[in-house]
Amino acid sequence: SQLLYIGSYDRYEAIKILDFVSEAIDINSRSYSGIIDEVIVKPHPSCDLTKEVRERDVENDTKMSISNENIDDILPYVGFVIVGSSTAAIDAVRNNCKIYVPIFSDHIILSPLSGYDDFFTYVSEPNELCRLIDDHCADSDLKREAIEREMKDQFIEEFWLLEKSLSNWKKVINHSLK
């Protein structure tokens, strides 16, 4: 399975989560038979993590790499996402990814998903992240996933206020400008 780490604009948070992920993949390779076989790091455009990812990639058996691809081109192909303070968490919901938000005793994560607990799971320990991913892989249920998909679609619509009746917005604007 691939784990996508979506980086934060906050360098301290970005490195803190990167360390969390690095520790998780170390535990993963020793205790969970490598359920996570690759970590893709998508840093925030304002927070380069190339050096930090290279250092951690050398330290672990699991491949860890930076992606320069558009997030919308990555999300459809990953099952698991770890994300902190980033609106890209909403994109992960839209792509039906299993989302994990780390919590730390010394840093507050400002996730846009806070308050929408059905769409993500808080993780406080790297081992917990591995266990949750392992459990999810072992407990796949298509009917439950379809229901979750429907809930997520509704959430996205409400979050972005995607009112279907506004599909004729151009007509409305043109009419109001007359």
Foldseek 3Di string as FASTA:
>chain_A
DEEEEEADLDQVRRLVVVVQQLVLQQCCVVPVVCLHQEYEYEYDPNHDCQVVQVVSCVVHPHHYYYDPDDPLVPLLPDQEYEYFQDPCLLVNLLSLHAYEYEDDPVDHTDHPCVVVVLRYYYDHHSNVVSVVSSVCVVDDDPVVSVVSNVVSVVVSCVVVVVDVVCPVVVVVVVVVVD
